[in-house]
C-alpha atoms as a PDB file:
ATOM      1  CA  MET A   1     -19.522  17.903  38.545  1.00  0.00           C
ATOM      2  CA  VAL A   2     -17.166  20.412  36.900  1.00  0.00           C
ATOM      3  CA  TRP A   3     -15.129  17.601  35.351  1.00  0.00           C
ATOM      4  CA  VAL A   4     -18.292  16.056  33.963  1.00  0.00           C
ATOM      5  CA  TRP A   5     -19.275  19.296  32.246  1.00  0.00           C
ATOM      6  CA  MET A   6     -15.738  19.774  30.909  1.00  0.00           C
ATOM      7  CA  ALA A   7     -15.696  16.238  29.525  1.00  0.00           C
ATOM      8  CA  ALA A   8     -19.124  16.770  27.967  1.00  0.00           C
ATOM      9  CA  GLY A   9     -17.953  20.024  26.433  1.00  0.00           C
ATOM     10  CA  LEU A  10     -14.822  18.435  24.974  1.00  0.00           C
ATOM     11  CA  LEU A  11     -16.889  15.562  23.610  1.00  0.00           C
ATOM     12  CA  PHE A  12     -19.293  18.013  21.997  1.00  0.00           C
ATOM     13  CA  VAL A  13     -16.429  19.938  20.351  1.00  0.00           C
ATOM     14  CA  LEU A  14     -14.857  16.698  19.140  1.00  0.00           C
ATOM     15  CA  LEU A  15     -18.125  15.510  17.617  1.00  0.00           C
ATOM     16  CA  LEU A  16     -18.624  18.930  16.041  1.00  0.00           C
ATOM     17  CA  LEU A  17     -15.178  18.813  14.417  1.00  0.00           C
ATOM     18  CA  LEU A  18     -15.595  15.224  13.236  1.00  0.00           C
ATOM     19  CA  GLY A  19     -18.937  16.119  11.716  1.00  0.00           C
ATOM     20  CA  SER A  20     -17.580  19.214   9.972  1.00  0.00           C
ATOM     21  CA  ARG A  21     -16.727  19.189   6.287  1.00  0.00           C
ATOM     22  CA  VAL A  22     -13.581  19.483   4.250  1.00  0.00           C
ATOM     23  CA  ASN A  23     -14.337  21.763   1.304  1.00  0.00           C
ATOM     24  CA  ILE A  24     -12.139  21.549  -1.793  1.00  0.00           C
ATOM     25  CA  ARG A  25     -12.393  24.006  -4.673  1.00  0.00           C
ATOM     26  CA  LEU A  26     -10.646  23.340  -7.982  1.00  0.00           C
ATOM     27  CA  ALA A  27     -10.377  25.994 -10.686  1.00  0.00           C
ATOM     28  CA  PHE A  28      -8.468  25.874 -13.953  1.00  0.00           C
ATOM     29  CA  THR A  29      -7.985  28.063 -17.014  1.00  0.00           C
ATOM     30  CA  HIS A  30      -6.282  27.421 -20.337  1.00  0.00           C
ATOM     31  CA  GLN A  31      -5.941  29.978 -23.110  1.00  0.00           C
ATOM     32  CA  ASP A  32      -3.271  29.836 -25.795  1.00  0.00           C
ATOM     33  CA  LYS A  33      -0.002  29.306 -23.887  1.00  0.00           C
ATOM     34  CA  ASN A  34      -1.360  30.486 -20.551  1.00  0.00           C
ATOM     35  CA  ASP A  35      -2.393  27.852 -18.006  1.00  0.00           C
ATOM     36  CA  GLU A  36      -3.428  28.232 -14.402  1.00  0.00           C
ATOM     37  CA  ILE A  37      -4.646  25.694 -11.858  1.00  0.00           C
ATOM     38  CA  SER A  38      -5.633  26.446  -8.275  1.00  0.00           C
ATOM     39  CA  VAL A  39      -6.859  24.245  -5.420  1.00  0.00           C
ATOM     40  CA  GLU A  40      -8.274  25.674  -2.195  1.00  0.00           C
ATOM     41  CA  VAL A  41      -8.848  23.481   0.865  1.00  0.00           C
ATOM     42  CA  ARG A  42     -10.885  24.530   3.900  1.00  0.00           C
ATOM     43  CA  ALA A  43     -11.351  22.323   6.959  1.00  0.00           C
ATOM     44  CA  LEU A  44     -12.223  22.383  10.675  1.00  0.00           C
ATOM     45  CA  LEU A  45     -14.956  24.999  10.286  1.00  0.00           C
ATOM     46  CA  GLY A  46     -12.632  27.306   8.357  1.00  0.00           C
ATOM     47  CA  LEU A  47      -9.825  27.214  10.927  1.00  0.00           C
ATOM     48  CA  VAL A  48      -7.547  25.434   8.443  1.00  0.00           C
ATOM     49  CA  ARG A  49      -7.261  26.922   4.971  1.00  0.00           C
ATOM     50  CA  PHE A  50      -4.700  26.186   2.292  1.00  0.00           C
ATOM     51  CA  HIS A  51      -4.391  27.385  -1.265  1.00  0.00           C
ATOM     52  CA  TYR A  52      -2.369  25.514  -3.865  1.00  0.00           C
ATOM     53  CA  GLU A  53      -1.642  27.249  -7.151  1.00  0.00           C
ATOM     54  CA  VAL A  54       0.089  26.168 -10.340  1.00  0.00           C
ATOM     55  CA  PRO A  55       0.714  29.439 -12.188  1.00  0.00           C
ATOM     56  CA  THR A  56       3.082  27.947 -14.778  1.00  0.00           C
ATOM     57  CA  LEU A  57       2.646  24.922 -17.031  1.00  0.00           C
ATOM     58  CA  ARG A  58       5.136  24.969 -19.874  1.00  0.00           C
ATOM     59  CA  PHE A  59       5.661  22.116 -22.327  1.00  0.00           C
ATOM     60  CA  LYS A  60       9.349  22.128 -23.285  1.00  0.00           C
ATOM     61  CA  GLY A  61       9.361  19.196 -25.704  1.00  0.00           C
ATOM     62  CA  LEU A  62       9.058  15.425 -25.701  1.00  0.00           C
ATOM     63  CA  ARG A  63      12.456  14.904 -24.111  1.00  0.00           C
ATOM     64  CA  ALA A  64      12.493  17.843 -21.694  1.00  0.00           C
ATOM     65  CA  GLY A  65       8.896  17.241 -20.590  1.00  0.00           C
ATOM     66  CA  LEU A  66       6.480  19.570 -18.795  1.00  0.00           C
ATOM     67  CA  GLU A  67       7.778  22.312 -16.519  1.00  0.00           C
ATOM     68  CA  VAL A  68       5.507  22.854 -13.511  1.00  0.00           C
ATOM     69  CA  LYS A  69       5.754  25.658 -10.969  1.00  0.00           C
ATOM     70  CA  SER A  70       3.550  25.357  -7.873  1.00  0.00           C
ATOM     71  CA  GLU A  71       2.917  27.455  -4.778  1.00  0.00           C
ATOM     72  CA  GLN A  72       1.341  26.563  -1.431  1.00  0.00           C
ATOM     73  CA  VAL A  73      -0.220  29.409   0.533  1.00  0.00           C
ATOM     74  CA  ASN A  74      -1.707  29.500   4.027  1.00  0.00           C
ATOM     75  CA  ALA A  75      -4.943  31.229   3.086  1.00  0.00           C
ATOM     76  CA  GLY A  76      -5.773  32.080   6.689  1.00  0.00           C
ATOM     77  CA  ALA A  77      -2.451  33.816   7.377  1.00  0.00           C
ATOM     78  CA  GLY A  78      -1.989  35.027   3.814  1.00  0.00           C
ATOM     79  CA  ARG A  79       1.618  33.873   3.536  1.00  0.00           C
ATOM     80  CA  LEU A  80       3.555  31.656   1.188  1.00  0.00           C
ATOM     81  CA  ILE A  81       4.427  28.303   2.786  1.00  0.00           C
ATOM     82  CA  ALA A  82       6.383  26.691  -0.032  1.00  0.00           C
ATOM     83  CA  ASP A  83       7.039  26.945  -3.723  1.00  0.00           C
ATOM     84  CA  ARG A  84       8.675  24.469  -6.039  1.00  0.00           C
ATOM     85  CA  LYS A  85       9.558  23.980  -9.660  1.00  0.00           C
ATOM     86  CA  GLU A  86       9.893  20.587 -11.261  1.00  0.00           C
ATOM     87  CA  THR A  87       9.930  18.956 -14.665  1.00  0.00           C
ATOM     88  CA  ILE A  88       7.693  16.009 -15.501  1.00  0.00           C
ATOM     89  CA  ASN A  89       9.310  13.969 -18.254  1.00  0.00           C
ATOM     90  CA  ALA A  90       8.774  10.488 -19.686  1.00  0.00           C
ATOM     91  CA  ASP A  91      10.896   8.805 -16.993  1.00  0.00           C
ATOM     92  CA  LYS A  92       8.896  10.406 -14.178  1.00  0.00           C
ATOM     93  CA  ILE A  93       5.608   9.418 -15.806  1.00  0.00           C
ATOM     94  CA  LYS A  94       6.799   5.812 -16.083  1.00  0.00           C
ATOM     95  CA  GLN A  95       7.827   5.876 -12.427  1.00  0.00           C
ATOM     96  CA  MET A  96       4.415   7.271 -11.447  1.00  0.00           C
ATOM     97  CA  PHE A  97       2.653   4.419 -13.251  1.00  0.00           C
ATOM     98  CA  GLU A  98       4.947   1.910 -11.551  1.00  0.00           C
ATOM     99  CA  ASP A  99       4.273   3.451  -8.127  1.00  0.00           C
ATOM    100  CA  VAL A 100       0.516   3.311  -8.707  1.00  0.00           C
ATOM    101  CA  ARG A 101       0.811  -0.319  -9.810  1.00  0.00           C
ATOM    102  CA  ILE A 102       2.685  -1.187  -6.610  1.00  0.00           C
ATOM    103  CA  LEU A 103       0.106   0.573  -4.419  1.00  0.00           C
ATOM    104  CA  LEU A 104      -2.832  -1.136  -6.116  1.00  0.00           C
ATOM    105  CA  THR A 105      -1.148  -4.537  -5.990  1.00  0.00           C
ATOM    106  CA  HIS A 106      -0.550  -4.208  -2.245  1.00  0.00           C
ATOM    107  CA  CYS A 107      -4.102  -3.220  -1.299  1.00  0.00           C
ATOM    108  CA  PHE A 108      -7.001  -5.637  -0.944  1.00  0.00           C
ATOM    109  CA  ASP A 109      -9.786  -4.637  -3.401  1.00  0.00           C
ATOM    110  CA  PHE A 110      -8.786  -0.975  -3.735  1.00  0.00           C
ATOM    111  CA  ASN A 111     -11.558  -0.286  -6.269  1.00  0.00           C
ATOM    112  CA  GLU A 112     -14.250  -1.247  -3.765  1.00  0.00           C
ATOM    113  CA  TRP A 113     -12.696   1.007  -1.120  1.00  0.00           C
ATOM    114  CA  LEU A 114     -12.503   3.941  -3.550  1.00  0.00           C
ATOM    115  CA  SER A 115     -16.096   3.452  -4.672  1.00  0.00           C
ATOM    116  CA  ARG A 116     -17.306   3.520  -1.056  1.00  0.00           C
ATOM    117  CA  MET A 117     -15.306   6.661  -0.307  1.00  0.00           C
ATOM    118  CA  LEU A 118     -16.647   8.510  -3.341  1.00  0.00           C
ATOM    119  CA  ARG A 119     -20.205   7.885  -2.180  1.00  0.00           C
ATOM    120  CA  HIS A 120     -19.550  10.321   0.669  1.00  0.00           C
ATOM    121  CA  VAL A 121     -18.251  13.049  -1.662  1.00  0.00           C
ATOM    122  CA  HIS A 122     -20.753  15.784  -2.545  1.00  0.00           C
ATOM    123  CA  CYS A 123     -20.284  18.118  -5.495  1.00  0.00           C
ATOM    124  CA  THR A 124     -21.860  21.525  -4.839  1.00  0.00           C
ATOM    125  CA  LYS A 125     -20.559  23.405  -7.871  1.00  0.00           C
ATOM    126  CA  LEU A 126     -19.573  22.306 -11.371  1.00  0.00           C
ATOM    127  CA  ASN A 127     -18.955  24.831 -14.143  1.00  0.00           C
ATOM    128  CA  TRP A 128     -17.004  24.103 -17.320  1.00  0.00           C
ATOM    129  CA  LYS A 129     -16.995  26.540 -20.223  1.00  0.00           C
ATOM    130  CA  THR A 130     -15.113  26.198 -23.495  1.00  0.00           C
ATOM    131  CA  SER A 131     -14.770  28.452 -26.516  1.00  0.00           C
ATOM    132  CA  VAL A 132     -13.192  26.864 -29.572  1.00  0.00           C
ATOM    133  CA  GLY A 133     -12.507  27.725 -33.182  1.00  0.00           C
ATOM    134  CA  ILE A 134     -10.137  26.289 -35.806  1.00  0.00           C
ATOM    135  CA  GLY A 135     -10.694  28.727 -38.640  1.00  0.00           C
ATOM    136  CA  ASP A 136     -13.102  26.613 -40.677  1.00  0.00           C
ATOM    137  CA  ALA A 137     -16.815  26.713 -39.846  1.00  0.00           C
ATOM    138  CA  PRO A 138     -17.749  23.049 -40.620  1.00  0.00           C
ATOM    139  CA  GLU A 139     -14.691  21.690 -38.802  1.00  0.00           C
ATOM    140  CA  THR A 140     -15.381  23.982 -35.856  1.00  0.00           C
ATOM    141  CA  ALA A 141     -18.975  22.726 -35.664  1.00  0.00           C
ATOM    142  CA  PHE A 142     -17.719  19.115 -35.720  1.00  0.00           C
ATOM    143  CA  LEU A 143     -15.219  19.874 -32.954  1.00  0.00           C
ATOM    144  CA  VAL A 144     -17.925  21.531 -30.846  1.00  0.00           C
ATOM    145  CA  GLY A 145     -20.078  18.412 -31.133  1.00  0.00           C
ATOM    146  CA  THR A 146     -17.118  16.238 -30.124  1.00  0.00           C
ATOM    147  CA  LEU A 147     -16.418  18.385 -27.077  1.00  0.00           C
ATOM    148  CA  TRP A 148     -20.066  18.181 -26.044  1.00  0.00           C
ATOM    149  CA  GLY A 149     -19.814  14.406 -26.242  1.00  0.00           C
ATOM    150  CA  VAL A 150     -16.658  14.367 -24.125  1.00  0.00           C
ATOM    151  CA  LYS A 151     -18.153  16.634 -21.479  1.00  0.00           C
ATOM    152  CA  SER A 152     -21.382  14.631 -21.333  1.00  0.00           C
ATOM    153  CA  SER A 153     -19.445  11.390 -20.911  1.00  0.00           C
ATOM    154  CA  LEU A 154     -17.312  12.843 -18.122  1.00  0.00           C
ATOM    155  CA  LEU A 155     -20.414  14.207 -16.396  1.00  0.00           C
ATOM    156  CA  GLY A 156     -22.047  10.792 -16.551  1.00  0.00           C
ATOM    157  CA  PHE A 157     -18.926   9.230 -15.026  1.00  0.00           C
ATOM    158  CA  VAL A 158     -18.912  11.808 -12.205  1.00  0.00           C
ATOM    159  CA  CYS A 159     -22.619  11.317 -11.447  1.00  0.00           C
ATOM    160  CA  ARG A 160     -22.065   7.570 -11.255  1.00  0.00           C
ATOM    161  CA  TYR A 161     -19.689   7.812  -8.307  1.00  0.00           C
ATOM    162  CA  ILE A 162     -20.188  11.243  -6.702  1.00  0.00           C
ATOM    163  CA  ARG A 163     -23.351  12.851  -5.327  1.00  0.00           C
ATOM    164  CA  LEU A 164     -24.176  15.866  -7.460  1.00  0.00           C
ATOM    165  CA  GLU A 165     -26.049  18.546  -5.512  1.00  0.00           C
ATOM    166  CA  THR A 166     -26.028  21.248  -8.141  1.00  0.00           C
ATOM    167  CA  GLN A 167     -27.068  21.836 -11.721  1.00  0.00           C
ATOM    168  CA  PRO A 168     -23.893  21.506 -13.812  1.00  0.00           C
ATOM    169  CA  GLN A 169     -23.129  24.469 -16.028  1.00  0.00           C
ATOM    170  CA  LEU A 170     -21.550  23.044 -19.171  1.00  0.00           C
ATOM    171  CA  GLN A 171     -20.983  25.229 -22.195  1.00  0.00           C
ATOM    172  CA  VAL A 172     -19.228  24.889 -25.550  1.00  0.00           C
ATOM    173  CA  THR A 173     -19.216  28.028 -27.691  1.00  0.00           C
ATOM    174  CA  PRO A 174     -18.109  27.913 -31.342  1.00  0.00           C
ATOM    175  CA  VAL A 175     -15.863  30.711 -32.570  1.00  0.00           C
ATOM    176  CA  PHE A 176     -16.097  30.703 -36.353  1.00  0.00           C
ATOM    177  CA  ASN A 177     -13.389  31.977 -38.718  1.00  0.00           C
ATOM    178  CA  GLN A 178     -10.883  32.290 -35.891  1.00  0.00           C
ATOM    179  CA  MET A 179      -8.264  30.107 -34.236  1.00  0.00           C
ATOM    180  CA  MET A 180      -9.078  29.894 -30.530  1.00  0.00           C
ATOM    181  CA  PHE A 181      -9.186  27.471 -27.631  1.00  0.00           C
ATOM    182  CA  LEU A 182     -10.244  28.774 -24.234  1.00  0.00           C
ATOM    183  CA  THR A 183     -11.455  26.519 -21.452  1.00  0.00           C
ATOM    184  CA  GLU A 184     -12.117  27.286 -17.806  1.00  0.00           C
ATOM    185  CA  GLY A 185     -13.663  25.256 -15.039  1.00  0.00           C
ATOM    186  CA  ASP A 186     -14.712  25.660 -11.425  1.00  0.00           C
ATOM    187  CA  CYS A 187     -15.648  22.731  -9.194  1.00  0.00           C
ATOM    188  CA  THR A 188     -16.364  22.475  -5.463  1.00  0.00           C
ATOM    189  CA  ILE A 189     -16.642  19.220  -3.525  1.00  0.00           C
ATOM    190  CA  ARG A 190     -17.000  18.429   0.162  1.00  0.00           C
ATOM    191  CA  ILE A 191     -16.705  15.457   2.484  1.00  0.00           C
ATOM    192  CA  ARG A 192     -17.064  15.104   6.250  1.00  0.00           C
ATOM    193  CA  ILE A 193     -13.914  14.625   8.321  1.00  0.00           C
ATOM    194  CA  TRP A 194     -15.428  11.543   9.940  1.00  0.00           C
ATOM    195  CA  HIS A 195     -15.708   9.836   6.555  1.00  0.00           C
ATOM    196  CA  LEU A 196     -12.096  10.736   5.743  1.00  0.00           C
ATOM    197  CA  LEU A 197     -10.831   9.285   9.016  1.00  0.00           C
ATOM    198  CA  SER A 198     -12.896   6.116   8.793  1.00  0.00           C
ATOM    199  CA  GLY A 199     -11.891   5.710   5.149  1.00  0.00           C
ATOM    200  CA  GLY A 200      -8.239   6.044   6.116  1.00  0.00           C
ATOM    201  CA  VAL A 201      -8.597   3.329   8.761  1.00  0.00           C
ATOM    202  CA  GLN A 202     -10.354   1.030   6.287  1.00  0.00           C
ATOM    203  CA  LEU A 203      -7.613   1.619   3.706  1.00  0.00           C
ATOM    204  CA  LEU A 204      -4.947   0.780   6.270  1.00  0.00           C
ATOM    205  CA  MET A 205      -6.720  -2.457   7.123  1.00  0.00           C
ATOM    206  CA  ARG A 206      -6.935  -3.408   3.450  1.00  0.00           C
ATOM    207  CA  VAL A 207      -3.237  -2.694   2.955  1.00  0.00           C
ATOM    208  CA  ARG A 208      -2.348  -4.843   5.958  1.00  0.00           C
ATOM    209  CA  LYS A 209      -4.283  -7.752   4.443  1.00  0.00           C
ATOM    210  CA  THR A 210      -1.735  -8.094   1.638  1.00  0.00           C
ATOM    211  CA  GLU A 211       1.700  -9.563   2.183  1.00  0.00           C
ATOM    212  CA  GLY A 212       4.249  -6.762   2.496  1.00  0.00           C
ATOM    213  CA  GLY A 213       1.548  -4.143   1.987  1.00  0.00           C
ATOM    214  CA  LEU A 214       2.638  -1.669   4.656  1.00  0.00           C
ATOM    215  CA  GLN A 215       6.266  -1.848   3.581  1.00  0.00           C
ATOM    216  CA  ALA A 216       5.364  -1.322  -0.084  1.00  0.00           C
ATOM    217  CA  TRP A 217       3.148   1.703   0.636  1.00  0.00           C
ATOM    218  CA  ARG A 218       5.822   3.166   2.913  1.00  0.00           C
ATOM    219  CA  ARG A 219       8.503   2.826   0.225  1.00  0.00           C
ATOM    220  CA  VAL A 220       6.309   4.571  -2.359  1.00  0.00           C
ATOM    221  CA  LEU A 221       4.811   7.312  -0.206  1.00  0.00           C
ATOM    222  CA  MET A 222       7.817   7.971   2.020  1.00  0.00           C
ATOM    223  CA  PRO A 223      10.937   7.299  -0.057  1.00  0.00           C
ATOM    224  CA  THR A 224      14.214   7.601   1.817  1.00  0.00           C
ATOM    225  CA  SER A 225      16.059   9.169  -1.111  1.00  0.00           C
END
């Protein structure tokens, strides 16, 4: 009888963990030459917490590319796990596009899989505020209208694929007779672990349906050099 209760208890805990959510919070800020991006991930009822931060984004020219400094922090323990600095130039961007092309080619109907996965994603917070001015009042007003159009289009795209459970807070503020561009956003999404695991299994099955799919994904995602 004891073993039965232990098995039932373990099953209950397993179901509880599988039914728990992974919460992801994305925040970004851009003002003048200062950029900051942070991603916080919480899973397994808060037992697993990670914080990714990009405190430095510096454009060094068309040839040199974009310098990116990132940090990964264990939010639960409050310690730095890893930090890295890399430069994204034209060659790396071309390689990224080629890698994505290979992955998509070696996956059966990837778009359908992605669409199904996004249906399980819930957005619980979406704030995006922008203050802009280019020194001339009519041109600033035109730019504000353009930004409103861009934000509305992006919001429509998000609502098409992701379940929105909050009232989006979108704002574009004109700053007349002054040069300024300040934008900051804060977004929180969540998905259940069970949907992530089942989605991973379905993706693996789709990759296996294509000839050489597993080998191609392994070469891209786990390069030997």
